[in-house]
Protein backbone atom coordinates (compact mmCIF):
# COMPACT_ATOMS: atom_id res chain seq x y z
CA MET A 1 -118.46 -37.19 -57.06
CA LEU A 2 -115.08 -35.68 -58.02
CA ASP A 3 -113.27 -39.33 -57.28
CA VAL A 4 -115.86 -40.78 -59.67
CA ILE A 5 -115.24 -38.37 -62.30
CA ALA A 6 -111.44 -39.13 -62.26
CA GLU A 7 -112.14 -42.82 -61.85
CA GLN A 8 -114.02 -43.06 -64.90
CA ASP A 9 -111.62 -40.57 -67.16
CA LEU A 10 -114.17 -37.95 -67.60
CA CYS A 11 -112.07 -34.77 -66.29
CA GLU A 12 -111.93 -33.40 -69.71
CA ASN A 13 -116.01 -33.97 -70.36
CA VAL A 14 -116.87 -31.83 -67.28
CA ALA A 15 -116.30 -28.07 -67.52
CA PRO A 16 -114.92 -26.81 -64.42
CA ILE A 17 -117.61 -24.19 -63.91
CA GLN A 18 -119.89 -27.14 -63.20
CA LEU A 19 -117.97 -28.00 -60.27
CA ALA A 20 -118.59 -24.41 -58.88
CA ILE A 21 -122.13 -24.17 -58.88
CA ARG A 22 -124.55 -24.40 -56.16
CA LEU A 23 -128.46 -24.41 -55.71
CA LEU A 24 -129.73 -21.07 -55.87
CA ILE A 25 -132.93 -20.42 -54.15
CA PRO A 26 -135.00 -17.40 -55.55
CA VAL A 27 -137.65 -15.44 -53.91
CA GLY A 28 -141.00 -17.35 -54.68
CA SER A 29 -139.25 -20.92 -55.25
CA ARG A 30 -141.44 -23.75 -54.71
CA LEU A 31 -138.44 -25.46 -52.68
CA LEU A 32 -139.05 -22.95 -49.87
CA GLU A 33 -142.60 -24.86 -49.47
CA LEU A 34 -140.24 -27.97 -48.54
CA PRO A 35 -139.81 -28.10 -44.57
CA ASP A 36 -136.39 -29.59 -45.20
CA VAL A 37 -135.37 -26.83 -47.48
CA ARG A 38 -136.64 -24.16 -45.12
CA ALA A 39 -134.58 -25.54 -42.40
CA MET A 40 -131.31 -25.36 -44.60
CA VAL A 41 -131.60 -21.77 -45.70
CA GLY A 42 -130.90 -18.36 -44.19
CA THR A 43 -132.55 -15.16 -44.54
CA PHE A 44 -132.82 -13.61 -48.23
CA ASP A 45 -129.87 -11.82 -49.25
CA SER A 46 -130.97 -8.93 -51.63
CA ALA A 47 -127.62 -8.66 -52.91
CA ALA A 48 -127.41 -12.03 -54.29
CA LEU A 49 -130.86 -12.13 -55.00
CA HIS A 50 -131.33 -15.85 -53.19
CA PHE A 51 -131.74 -17.70 -50.28
CA PRO A 52 -128.13 -18.91 -48.76
CA LEU A 53 -127.74 -22.44 -47.80
CA GLU A 54 -126.62 -22.64 -44.38
CA THR A 55 -127.03 -26.29 -42.54
CA CYS A 56 -125.86 -28.46 -45.37
CA GLY A 57 -123.48 -30.47 -42.85
CA TYR A 58 -120.54 -28.21 -44.13
CA THR A 59 -119.34 -24.45 -44.14
CA PRO A 60 -121.15 -23.57 -47.67
CA GLY A 61 -119.04 -20.38 -48.23
CA ARG A 62 -115.58 -21.27 -48.10
CA PRO A 63 -114.89 -24.46 -50.12
CA LEU A 64 -117.29 -23.19 -52.82
CA SER A 65 -115.50 -19.76 -52.79
CA GLU A 66 -112.20 -21.42 -53.23
CA ILE A 67 -113.46 -23.81 -55.96
CA SER A 68 -114.88 -20.54 -57.79
CA GLU A 69 -111.63 -18.96 -57.48
CA LEU A 70 -109.55 -22.12 -58.80
CA VAL A 71 -111.99 -21.95 -61.81
CA GLN A 72 -111.60 -18.21 -62.79
CA ARG A 73 -107.65 -18.85 -62.47
CA GLY A 74 -107.88 -21.66 -64.67
CA GLU A 75 -109.66 -19.72 -67.15
CA LYS A 76 -107.07 -16.86 -66.97
CA LEU A 77 -104.02 -19.38 -67.18
CA LYS A 78 -105.56 -21.13 -69.97
CA LEU A 79 -105.54 -24.43 -68.13
CA THR A 80 -106.72 -27.53 -69.58
CA ARG A 81 -110.00 -29.08 -67.84
CA THR A 82 -107.93 -31.92 -66.63
CA GLU A 83 -105.56 -29.27 -65.23
CA SER A 84 -108.33 -27.47 -63.30
CA PHE A 85 -110.22 -30.48 -62.36
CA SER A 86 -107.03 -31.43 -60.63
CA HIS A 87 -106.73 -28.48 -58.59
CA ILE A 88 -110.14 -28.50 -57.62
CA ARG A 89 -110.22 -32.02 -56.49
CA ARG A 90 -107.00 -31.35 -54.45
CA ALA A 91 -108.78 -28.63 -52.69
CA ALA A 92 -112.08 -30.34 -52.04
CA ARG A 93 -110.08 -33.42 -50.63
CA ALA A 94 -108.62 -31.03 -48.31
CA ALA A 95 -111.79 -28.97 -47.24
CA ALA A 96 -113.06 -32.54 -46.62
CA GLY A 97 -110.09 -33.58 -44.60
CA LYS A 98 -109.03 -36.16 -47.02
CA VAL A 99 -105.15 -36.13 -47.35
CA GLU A 100 -104.84 -38.86 -49.53
CA PHE A 101 -104.73 -38.08 -53.25
CA ARG A 102 -104.58 -40.51 -56.29
CA GLY A 103 -104.33 -37.89 -58.53
CA ILE A 104 -105.42 -37.91 -62.48
CA PRO A 105 -105.51 -41.16 -64.11
CA HIS A 106 -102.35 -41.94 -66.10
CA SER A 107 -104.24 -42.68 -69.53
CA LEU A 108 -106.42 -39.38 -69.38
CA ALA A 109 -103.32 -37.27 -68.77
CA LYS A 110 -102.17 -37.77 -72.07
CA SER A 111 -105.43 -37.86 -74.02
CA THR A 112 -106.74 -35.59 -76.53
CA PRO A 113 -108.68 -32.81 -75.06
CA VAL A 114 -112.51 -32.82 -75.61
CA PRO A 115 -114.13 -29.99 -78.11
CA PHE A 116 -116.45 -27.71 -76.22
CA LEU A 117 -117.55 -24.49 -76.24
CA ASP A 118 -115.39 -21.59 -75.83
CA GLU A 119 -117.68 -19.59 -73.52
CA PRO A 120 -116.96 -21.25 -70.09
CA TRP A 121 -119.91 -19.32 -68.10
CA TYR A 122 -122.57 -20.41 -70.42
CA CYS A 123 -124.17 -22.48 -67.61
CA CYS A 124 -123.74 -20.51 -64.75
CA ALA A 125 -126.57 -19.25 -63.17
CA GLU A 126 -124.58 -17.02 -60.27
CA PRO A 127 -121.91 -14.61 -61.58
CA MET A 128 -118.33 -15.13 -60.78
CA ASN A 129 -116.27 -12.64 -59.30
CA ASP A 130 -114.85 -11.41 -62.21
CA GLN A 131 -118.28 -11.03 -63.69
CA PHE A 132 -119.06 -8.73 -60.83
CA ARG A 133 -116.20 -6.78 -61.27
CA PHE A 134 -116.91 -5.81 -65.04
CA HIS A 135 -120.49 -5.08 -63.99
CA ARG A 136 -119.34 -2.47 -61.27
CA LYS A 137 -117.04 -1.06 -64.04
CA VAL A 138 -119.66 -0.69 -66.47
CA LYS A 139 -122.31 0.67 -63.77
CA GLU A 140 -119.31 3.36 -62.91
CA ALA A 141 -118.83 4.13 -66.51
CA VAL A 142 -122.71 4.69 -67.11
CA ALA A 143 -123.05 6.75 -63.74
CA ASN A 144 -119.79 8.88 -64.83
CA ALA A 145 -121.23 9.37 -68.44
CA ASP A 146 -123.43 12.08 -67.30
CA GLN A 147 -120.48 14.15 -66.90
CA PHE A 148 -119.46 14.44 -70.18
CA VAL A 149 -122.80 15.06 -71.54
């Protein structure tokens, strides 16, 4: 998919977070009625509130985790979508054992960025690590507020 995005000069059109989203299966999902899906999921993770995918032909945690970290780092460093895409594509190809890397199309590298919303997490059903850290800080602040009342 990443090669097609690059070949079609769509790097600026795809929000990097879109490349880190995975299927989340909550309790009560009708997907769990499908034998093929049941065979791919582990036991319910009550902390993450979903059934983790376990047998999809790859190790789901590491590559996705690395891509999520690249997306977050790209946001912090204010990288363009194309720059973030380049890092994500390189990591995905390395995880797949594909060493050749054709890079970003020359025509795209000098194109004008596509306008987009400034909130990068609008489409993400699963919180990123930074969002979890913020949630923990708020939770701690609320818990400690009782000491001052």
